[in-house]
Amino acid sequence: MSSTEDLRARLVPAVCTQCGAALEVDPTQEAAVCKYCNTPFIVDKAIQNYNIKNAKIEHVDTVNIDMKGTADSFFGFVGKQMSESREARREDRRAQRAESHEMNMAFMKIFGYMMIGMFVFAVIAFIVMQFTGGPRDDAPTEPETQIVSTVAPESTGSDNGAGGSFSFEFHTGGSN
């Protein structure tokens, strides 16, 4: 037997740990290099990957699937996700309420300052009006007199000489 045939007899199938290519390796070596991706790998690990990938189940007596445990596990997971989602929404609402409260407080503070400013302005305006002698309600006022005159056109003789002018006086304002 030649050395090449001898080497072929010793090679075993393996799978590259990087690219997954099928290889034949010498199990007596500790390491090798993949001929496809040039990645170095440990031979035992590559052989073990091949055995796991190509494992065959020869005989199974019974298979028990615990549906209750699976359902409990599933519903427990879903319940946990829903609880976390609900809690996140609650936290968002709390944050929104706190932000809204802060904005309302800032508005009320500004509104309060404006009201105080308007009150101070009104007091100052009142004092200024008192010292400058602005219009007073207690000063006597003379009634305004408005004279309205109406002139009738001259008669041509057909109205029996009844022509002339009329005057009216109207008094407005004041108390008489």
C-alpha atoms as a PDB file:
ATOM      1  CA  MET A   1       0.000   0.000   0.000  1.00  0.00           C
ATOM      2  CA  SER A   2       1.377   3.388  -0.996  1.00  0.00           C
ATOM      3  CA  SER A   3       1.507   6.371   1.294  1.00  0.00           C
ATOM      4  CA  THR A   4      -1.252   8.162  -0.654  1.00  0.00           C
ATOM      5  CA  GLU A   5      -3.560   5.179  -0.310  1.00  0.00           C
ATOM      6  CA  ASP A   6      -2.571   4.926   3.305  1.00  0.00           C
ATOM      7  CA  LEU A   7      -3.465   8.602   3.870  1.00  0.00           C
ATOM      8  CA  ARG A   8      -6.802   8.148   2.084  1.00  0.00           C
ATOM      9  CA  ALA A   9      -7.668   5.251   4.335  1.00  0.00           C
ATOM     10  CA  ARG A  10      -7.063   7.370   7.400  1.00  0.00           C
ATOM     11  CA  LEU A  11      -9.080  10.446   6.274  1.00  0.00           C
ATOM     12  CA  VAL A  12     -12.472  10.969   7.859  1.00  0.00           C
ATOM     13  CA  PRO A  13     -15.301  13.326   6.849  1.00  0.00           C
ATOM     14  CA  ALA A  14     -15.530  16.713   8.587  1.00  0.00           C
ATOM     15  CA  VAL A  15     -17.240  20.093   8.207  1.00  0.00           C
ATOM     16  CA  CYS A  16     -15.366  23.422   8.098  1.00  0.00           C
ATOM     17  CA  THR A  17     -16.175  25.406  11.239  1.00  0.00           C
ATOM     18  CA  GLN A  18     -16.226  28.677   9.261  1.00  0.00           C
ATOM     19  CA  CYS A  19     -17.853  28.079   5.845  1.00  0.00           C
ATOM     20  CA  GLY A  20     -19.500  24.687   6.466  1.00  0.00           C
ATOM     21  CA  ALA A  21     -17.823  22.980   3.496  1.00  0.00           C
ATOM     22  CA  ALA A  22     -17.531  19.178   3.516  1.00  0.00           C
ATOM     23  CA  LEU A  23     -13.913  18.108   4.019  1.00  0.00           C
ATOM     24  CA  GLU A  24     -11.843  15.025   4.634  1.00  0.00           C
ATOM     25  CA  VAL A  25      -9.255  15.396   7.379  1.00  0.00           C
ATOM     26  CA  ASP A  26      -6.612  13.297   9.037  1.00  0.00           C
ATOM     27  CA  PRO A  27      -7.887  12.552  12.559  1.00  0.00           C
ATOM     28  CA  THR A  28      -4.336  12.173  13.845  1.00  0.00           C
ATOM     29  CA  GLN A  29      -3.655  15.865  13.237  1.00  0.00           C
ATOM     30  CA  GLU A  30      -4.700  18.588  15.694  1.00  0.00           C
ATOM     31  CA  ALA A  31      -5.407  21.335  13.165  1.00  0.00           C
ATOM     32  CA  ALA A  32      -6.028  21.792   9.461  1.00  0.00           C
ATOM     33  CA  VAL A  33      -6.881  24.504   6.923  1.00  0.00           C
ATOM     34  CA  CYS A  34     -10.083  24.585   4.860  1.00  0.00           C
ATOM     35  CA  LYS A  35      -9.259  24.265   1.153  1.00  0.00           C
ATOM     36  CA  TYR A  36     -12.278  26.466   0.259  1.00  0.00           C
ATOM     37  CA  CYS A  37     -12.037  29.463   2.615  1.00  0.00           C
ATOM     38  CA  ASN A  38      -8.470  29.004   3.946  1.00  0.00           C
ATOM     39  CA  THR A  39      -9.691  29.149   7.545  1.00  0.00           C
ATOM     40  CA  PRO A  40      -7.635  27.186  10.077  1.00  0.00           C
ATOM     41  CA  PHE A  41      -9.705  24.913  12.337  1.00  0.00           C
ATOM     42  CA  ILE A  42      -9.316  22.223  14.974  1.00  0.00           C
ATOM     43  CA  VAL A  43      -9.748  18.769  13.443  1.00  0.00           C
ATOM     44  CA  ASP A  44     -11.689  17.235  16.375  1.00  0.00           C
ATOM     45  CA  LYS A  45     -14.201  20.066  16.268  1.00  0.00           C
ATOM     46  CA  ALA A  46     -14.672  19.739  12.491  1.00  0.00           C
ATOM     47  CA  ILE A  47     -15.234  15.951  12.836  1.00  0.00           C
ATOM     48  CA  GLN A  48     -17.704  16.494  15.689  1.00  0.00           C
ATOM     49  CA  ASN A  49     -19.612  19.079  13.583  1.00  0.00           C
ATOM     50  CA  TYR A  50     -19.853  16.538  10.773  1.00  0.00           C
ATOM     51  CA  ASN A  51     -21.149  13.846  13.110  1.00  0.00           C
ATOM     52  CA  ILE A  52     -23.794  16.159  14.571  1.00  0.00           C
ATOM     53  CA  LYS A  53     -24.838  17.415  11.142  1.00  0.00           C
ATOM     54  CA  ASN A  54     -25.169  13.900   9.726  1.00  0.00           C
ATOM     55  CA  ALA A  55     -26.451  12.143  12.825  1.00  0.00           C
ATOM     56  CA  LYS A  56     -29.202   9.625  12.212  1.00  0.00           C
ATOM     57  CA  ILE A  57     -31.734   8.387  14.695  1.00  0.00           C
ATOM     58  CA  GLU A  58     -31.724   4.633  14.430  1.00  0.00           C
ATOM     59  CA  HIS A  59     -34.443   3.651  16.864  1.00  0.00           C
ATOM     60  CA  VAL A  60     -36.938   5.490  19.026  1.00  0.00           C
ATOM     61  CA  ASP A  61     -39.256   3.654  21.375  1.00  0.00           C
ATOM     62  CA  THR A  62     -41.491   6.499  22.449  1.00  0.00           C
ATOM     63  CA  VAL A  63     -41.556  10.251  22.129  1.00  0.00           C
ATOM     64  CA  ASN A  64     -43.311  12.214  24.821  1.00  0.00           C
ATOM     65  CA  ILE A  65     -44.237  15.767  24.077  1.00  0.00           C
ATOM     66  CA  ASP A  66     -45.355  17.690  27.125  1.00  0.00           C
ATOM     67  CA  MET A  67     -48.100  19.890  25.628  1.00  0.00           C
ATOM     68  CA  LYS A  68     -49.080  21.331  28.986  1.00  0.00           C
ATOM     69  CA  GLY A  69     -45.561  22.489  29.679  1.00  0.00           C
ATOM     70  CA  THR A  70     -45.260  23.873  26.143  1.00  0.00           C
ATOM     71  CA  ALA A  71     -48.572  25.722  26.399  1.00  0.00           C
ATOM     72  CA  ASP A  72     -47.713  27.013  29.865  1.00  0.00           C
ATOM     73  CA  SER A  73     -44.356  28.161  28.564  1.00  0.00           C
ATOM     74  CA  PHE A  74     -45.945  29.880  25.553  1.00  0.00           C
ATOM     75  CA  PHE A  75     -48.676  31.603  27.526  1.00  0.00           C
ATOM     76  CA  GLY A  76     -46.193  32.587  30.214  1.00  0.00           C
ATOM     77  CA  PHE A  77     -44.010  34.193  27.552  1.00  0.00           C
ATOM     78  CA  VAL A  78     -46.970  35.990  25.926  1.00  0.00           C
ATOM     79  CA  GLY A  79     -48.243  37.136  29.333  1.00  0.00           C
ATOM     80  CA  LYS A  80     -44.827  38.489  30.243  1.00  0.00           C
ATOM     81  CA  GLN A  81     -44.597  40.367  26.932  1.00  0.00           C
ATOM     82  CA  MET A  82     -48.061  41.855  27.430  1.00  0.00           C
ATOM     83  CA  SER A  83     -47.247  42.893  31.002  1.00  0.00           C
ATOM     84  CA  GLU A  84     -44.045  44.573  29.869  1.00  0.00           C
ATOM     85  CA  SER A  85     -45.915  46.333  27.059  1.00  0.00           C
ATOM     86  CA  ARG A  86     -48.638  47.490  29.458  1.00  0.00           C
ATOM     87  CA  GLU A  87     -46.055  48.775  31.918  1.00  0.00           C
ATOM     88  CA  ALA A  88     -44.228  50.650  29.139  1.00  0.00           C
ATOM     89  CA  ARG A  89     -47.506  52.315  28.095  1.00  0.00           C
ATOM     90  CA  ARG A  90     -48.188  53.267  31.732  1.00  0.00           C
ATOM     91  CA  GLU A  91     -44.744  54.813  32.028  1.00  0.00           C
ATOM     92  CA  ASP A  92     -45.335  56.772  28.803  1.00  0.00           C
ATOM     93  CA  ARG A  93     -48.659  58.086  30.123  1.00  0.00           C
ATOM     94  CA  ARG A  94     -47.045  59.060  33.437  1.00  0.00           C
ATOM     95  CA  ALA A  95     -44.316  60.940  31.587  1.00  0.00           C
ATOM     96  CA  GLN A  96     -46.908  62.699  29.393  1.00  0.00           C
ATOM     97  CA  ARG A  97     -48.968  63.700  32.452  1.00  0.00           C
ATOM     98  CA  ALA A  98     -45.877  65.043  34.198  1.00  0.00           C
ATOM     99  CA  GLU A  99     -44.892  67.031  31.110  1.00  0.00           C
ATOM    100  CA  SER A 100     -48.443  68.376  30.738  1.00  0.00           C
ATOM    101  CA  HIS A 101     -48.496  69.349  34.422  1.00  0.00           C
ATOM    102  CA  GLU A 102     -45.204  71.216  34.042  1.00  0.00           C
ATOM    103  CA  MET A 103     -46.525  73.086  30.995  1.00  0.00           C
ATOM    104  CA  ASN A 104     -49.738  74.012  32.831  1.00  0.00           C
ATOM    105  CA  MET A 105     -47.772  75.285  35.801  1.00  0.00           C
ATOM    106  CA  ALA A 106     -45.562  77.397  33.529  1.00  0.00           C
ATOM    107  CA  PHE A 107     -48.655  78.842  31.822  1.00  0.00           C
ATOM    108  CA  MET A 108     -50.294  79.646  35.149  1.00  0.00           C
ATOM    109  CA  LYS A 109     -47.111  81.333  36.356  1.00  0.00           C
ATOM    110  CA  ILE A 110     -46.945  83.526  33.236  1.00  0.00           C
ATOM    111  CA  PHE A 111     -50.682  84.258  33.468  1.00  0.00           C
ATOM    112  CA  GLY A 112     -50.271  85.270  37.134  1.00  0.00           C
ATOM    113  CA  TYR A 113     -47.410  87.626  36.281  1.00  0.00           C
ATOM    114  CA  MET A 114     -49.512  89.186  33.512  1.00  0.00           C
ATOM    115  CA  MET A 115     -52.459  89.739  35.867  1.00  0.00           C
ATOM    116  CA  ILE A 116     -50.219  91.332  38.497  1.00  0.00           C
ATOM    117  CA  GLY A 117     -48.669  93.550  35.810  1.00  0.00           C
ATOM    118  CA  MET A 118     -52.084  94.667  34.534  1.00  0.00           C
ATOM    119  CA  PHE A 119     -53.237  95.437  38.084  1.00  0.00           C
ATOM    120  CA  VAL A 120     -50.115  97.491  38.788  1.00  0.00           C
ATOM    121  CA  PHE A 121     -50.571  99.323  35.469  1.00  0.00           C
ATOM    122  CA  ALA A 122     -54.222 100.112  36.324  1.00  0.00           C
ATOM    123  CA  VAL A 123     -53.257 101.471  39.763  1.00  0.00           C
ATOM    124  CA  ILE A 124     -50.490 103.633  38.272  1.00  0.00           C
ATOM    125  CA  ALA A 125     -52.840 104.924  35.550  1.00  0.00           C
ATOM    126  CA  PHE A 126     -55.454 105.791  38.187  1.00  0.00           C
ATOM    127  CA  ILE A 127     -52.899 107.692  40.299  1.00  0.00           C
ATOM    128  CA  VAL A 128     -51.552 109.558  37.251  1.00  0.00           C
ATOM    129  CA  MET A 129     -55.084 110.566  36.222  1.00  0.00           C
ATOM    130  CA  GLN A 130     -55.776 111.911  39.731  1.00  0.00           C
ATOM    131  CA  PHE A 131     -52.666 114.115  39.757  1.00  0.00           C
ATOM    132  CA  THR A 132     -52.876 115.376  36.166  1.00  0.00           C
ATOM    133  CA  GLY A 133     -56.468 116.535  36.400  1.00  0.00           C
ATOM    134  CA  GLY A 134     -57.988 114.306  33.802  1.00  0.00           C
ATOM    135  CA  PRO A 135     -61.695 114.406  33.000  1.00  0.00           C
ATOM    136  CA  ARG A 136     -63.891 114.437  36.078  1.00  0.00           C
ATOM    137  CA  ASP A 137     -67.499 113.435  36.401  1.00  0.00           C
ATOM    138  CA  ASP A 138     -68.336 115.986  39.113  1.00  0.00           C
ATOM    139  CA  ALA A 139     -67.506 119.139  37.041  1.00  0.00           C
ATOM    140  CA  PRO A 140     -70.606 121.060  35.821  1.00  0.00           C
ATOM    141  CA  THR A 141     -71.114 120.984  32.102  1.00  0.00           C
ATOM    142  CA  GLU A 142     -73.023 123.491  30.035  1.00  0.00           C
ATOM    143  CA  PRO A 143     -75.625 122.150  27.715  1.00  0.00           C
ATOM    144  CA  GLU A 144     -74.654 122.234  24.114  1.00  0.00           C
ATOM    145  CA  THR A 145     -76.894 124.327  21.965  1.00  0.00           C
ATOM    146  CA  GLN A 146     -77.405 123.478  18.384  1.00  0.00           C
ATOM    147  CA  ILE A 147     -79.259 125.868  16.134  1.00  0.00           C
ATOM    148  CA  VAL A 148     -80.890 124.515  13.061  1.00  0.00           C
ATOM    149  CA  SER A 149     -82.256 126.988  10.526  1.00  0.00           C
ATOM    150  CA  THR A 150     -84.518 126.185   7.682  1.00  0.00           C
ATOM    151  CA  VAL A 151     -85.226 128.615   4.918  1.00  0.00           C
ATOM    152  CA  ALA A 152     -88.311 128.205   2.802  1.00  0.00           C
ATOM    153  CA  PRO A 153     -88.187 129.312  -0.816  1.00  0.00           C
ATOM    154  CA  GLU A 154     -89.773 132.658  -1.760  1.00  0.00           C
ATOM    155  CA  SER A 155     -93.324 132.411  -2.792  1.00  0.00           C
ATOM    156  CA  THR A 156     -94.397 133.174  -6.330  1.00  0.00           C
ATOM    157  CA  GLY A 157     -97.746 134.371  -5.186  1.00  0.00           C
ATOM    158  CA  SER A 158     -99.670 131.139  -5.386  1.00  0.00           C
ATOM    159  CA  ASP A 159     -99.382 130.381  -1.656  1.00  0.00           C
ATOM    160  CA  ASN A 160    -100.950 133.673  -0.588  1.00  0.00           C
ATOM    161  CA  GLY A 161     -97.713 135.279   0.549  1.00  0.00           C
ATOM    162  CA  ALA A 162     -96.860 132.666   3.181  1.00  0.00           C
ATOM    163  CA  GLY A 163     -93.057 132.420   2.737  1.00  0.00           C
ATOM    164  CA  GLY A 164     -90.151 132.981   5.132  1.00  0.00           C
ATOM    165  CA  SER A 165     -87.630 131.254   7.373  1.00  0.00           C
ATOM    166  CA  PHE A 166     -87.898 129.187  10.547  1.00  0.00           C
ATOM    167  CA  SER A 167     -85.390 128.605  13.368  1.00  0.00           C
ATOM    168  CA  PHE A 168     -85.301 125.876  16.011  1.00  0.00           C
ATOM    169  CA  GLU A 169     -82.977 125.470  18.997  1.00  0.00           C
ATOM    170  CA  PHE A 170     -82.072 122.041  20.330  1.00  0.00           C
ATOM    171  CA  HIS A 171     -80.418 121.624  23.695  1.00  0.00           C
ATOM    172  CA  THR A 172     -78.433 118.421  24.115  1.00  0.00           C
ATOM    173  CA  GLY A 173     -76.304 117.170  26.981  1.00  0.00           C
ATOM    174  CA  GLY A 174     -76.100 118.513  30.508  1.00  0.00           C
ATOM    175  CA  SER A 175     -78.856 118.416  33.078  1.00  0.00           C
ATOM    176  CA  ASN A 176     -81.536 121.131  32.867  1.00  0.00           C
END
